[in-house]
Protein backbone atom coordinates (compact mmCIF):
# COMPACT_ATOMS: atom_id res chain seq x y z
CA MET A 1 104.55 -56.11 -142.36
CA ALA A 2 103.94 -56.40 -138.65
CA ASN A 3 104.74 -54.19 -135.68
CA ILE A 4 106.89 -56.24 -133.30
CA THR A 5 107.89 -54.89 -129.88
CA TYR A 6 111.22 -55.89 -128.38
CA ILE A 7 111.69 -55.28 -124.66
CA GLU A 8 115.32 -55.38 -123.61
CA ALA A 9 116.38 -56.63 -120.17
CA SER A 10 116.90 -52.97 -119.18
CA GLY A 11 113.21 -52.30 -119.85
CA GLN A 12 113.90 -50.32 -123.05
CA SER A 13 111.04 -50.96 -125.46
CA THR A 14 111.40 -50.64 -129.24
CA THR A 15 108.71 -51.34 -131.82
CA ILE A 16 109.75 -52.18 -135.35
CA ASN A 17 107.57 -52.51 -138.44
CA LEU A 18 109.14 -55.75 -139.63
CA TYR A 19 109.00 -56.88 -143.26
CA GLU A 20 107.08 -60.07 -143.91
CA GLY A 21 109.45 -63.04 -144.08
CA TRP A 22 112.16 -61.39 -141.99
CA SER A 23 113.06 -63.19 -138.79
CA LEU A 24 112.70 -61.44 -135.46
CA MET A 25 116.49 -61.78 -135.13
CA GLN A 26 117.05 -59.97 -138.44
CA GLY A 27 114.76 -57.16 -137.33
CA ALA A 28 116.64 -56.76 -134.05
CA THR A 29 120.14 -56.80 -135.52
CA ALA A 30 119.21 -54.51 -138.41
CA ASN A 31 117.77 -51.97 -135.97
CA GLY A 32 120.47 -52.00 -133.28
CA ILE A 33 118.43 -53.65 -130.54
CA ASP A 34 120.64 -54.74 -127.65
CA GLY A 35 120.13 -58.24 -126.38
CA ILE A 36 120.09 -60.29 -129.58
CA LEU A 37 123.47 -61.23 -130.99
CA GLY A 38 122.59 -63.69 -133.75
CA GLU A 39 126.17 -64.93 -134.02
CA CYS A 40 125.29 -67.73 -136.46
CA GLY A 41 123.39 -65.38 -138.76
CA GLY A 42 120.09 -67.18 -138.29
CA SER A 43 121.05 -70.78 -139.02
CA CYS A 44 119.80 -72.09 -135.66
CA ALA A 45 123.31 -73.01 -134.56
CA CYS A 46 124.21 -70.72 -131.63
CA ALA A 47 121.21 -69.82 -129.41
CA THR A 48 122.35 -66.16 -129.12
CA CYS A 49 118.96 -64.88 -130.23
CA HIS A 50 117.05 -66.39 -127.33
CA CYS A 51 113.86 -64.52 -126.48
CA TYR A 52 110.72 -64.87 -124.42
CA VAL A 53 107.52 -64.67 -126.47
CA ASP A 54 104.35 -63.24 -124.94
CA GLU A 55 102.68 -66.44 -123.70
CA ALA A 56 99.26 -65.34 -124.97
CA ARG A 57 100.68 -65.28 -128.51
CA LEU A 58 102.56 -68.61 -128.56
CA ALA A 59 99.73 -70.25 -130.50
CA ASP A 60 100.23 -67.68 -133.29
CA LEU A 61 103.72 -69.06 -133.99
CA SER A 62 104.75 -72.14 -135.88
CA PRO A 63 105.84 -74.80 -133.40
CA ALA A 64 109.53 -75.00 -132.59
CA THR A 65 111.39 -77.57 -134.66
CA GLU A 66 113.41 -80.35 -133.04
CA SER A 67 116.57 -78.46 -134.02
CA GLU A 68 115.37 -75.29 -132.28
CA LEU A 69 114.37 -77.24 -129.16
CA GLN A 70 117.86 -78.76 -129.03
CA MET A 71 119.49 -75.33 -129.35
CA LEU A 72 117.27 -73.97 -126.57
CA ASP A 73 119.03 -76.46 -124.27
CA ASN A 74 122.14 -74.28 -124.74
CA VAL A 75 120.77 -70.84 -123.89
CA ALA A 76 122.76 -68.75 -121.40
CA ALA A 77 119.75 -67.26 -119.62
CA GLU A 78 116.92 -69.15 -117.96
CA ARG A 79 114.97 -71.32 -120.37
CA ARG A 80 111.23 -70.87 -119.90
CA PRO A 81 108.15 -72.47 -121.49
CA ASN A 82 107.87 -69.40 -123.74
CA SER A 83 111.55 -69.44 -124.80
CA ARG A 84 112.17 -69.36 -128.53
CA LEU A 85 115.01 -68.48 -130.89
CA ALA A 86 114.25 -65.21 -132.68
CA CYS A 87 115.97 -66.48 -135.84
CA GLN A 88 113.29 -69.14 -136.19
CA ILE A 89 110.28 -66.81 -135.99
CA LYS A 90 109.38 -65.21 -139.32
CA SER A 91 107.30 -62.07 -139.47
CA THR A 92 103.80 -62.32 -140.91
CA ALA A 93 100.78 -60.04 -140.69
CA MET A 94 99.38 -62.50 -138.12
CA LEU A 95 102.13 -61.45 -135.70
CA GLU A 96 100.98 -57.80 -135.62
CA GLY A 97 101.52 -56.46 -132.09
CA LEU A 98 103.71 -59.35 -130.91
CA VAL A 99 105.82 -58.55 -127.85
CA ILE A 100 109.04 -60.37 -127.06
CA HIS A 101 111.28 -59.92 -124.05
CA LEU A 102 115.03 -60.32 -124.28
CA PRO A 103 117.07 -62.01 -121.55
CA ALA A 104 119.83 -60.25 -119.61
CA THR A 105 122.50 -62.31 -121.37
CA GLN A 106 123.02 -64.35 -124.51
CA GLU A 107 126.49 -65.65 -123.65
């Protein structure tokens, strides 16, 4: 398990102890965090779980796949160098303390 902090566009901060293997999108939707829709259920087909990962922690994540990079071209909010899809980031103990910021819109 890892404590992951989600910071909504409003500034609301929520930390969740996320089960290993769960995606950051699953953690957000299961815990009622505003700002992640996950309309495709985590199949990397909608880009409604766009998030901004703390840049200092990007190296702790598996690199984005070509499919994820293509979906990031369709995000509603500004795409940044630290943009990722929360459905593609799986929780591991290595991600303890990770902070992600959620954009103002997903649609």
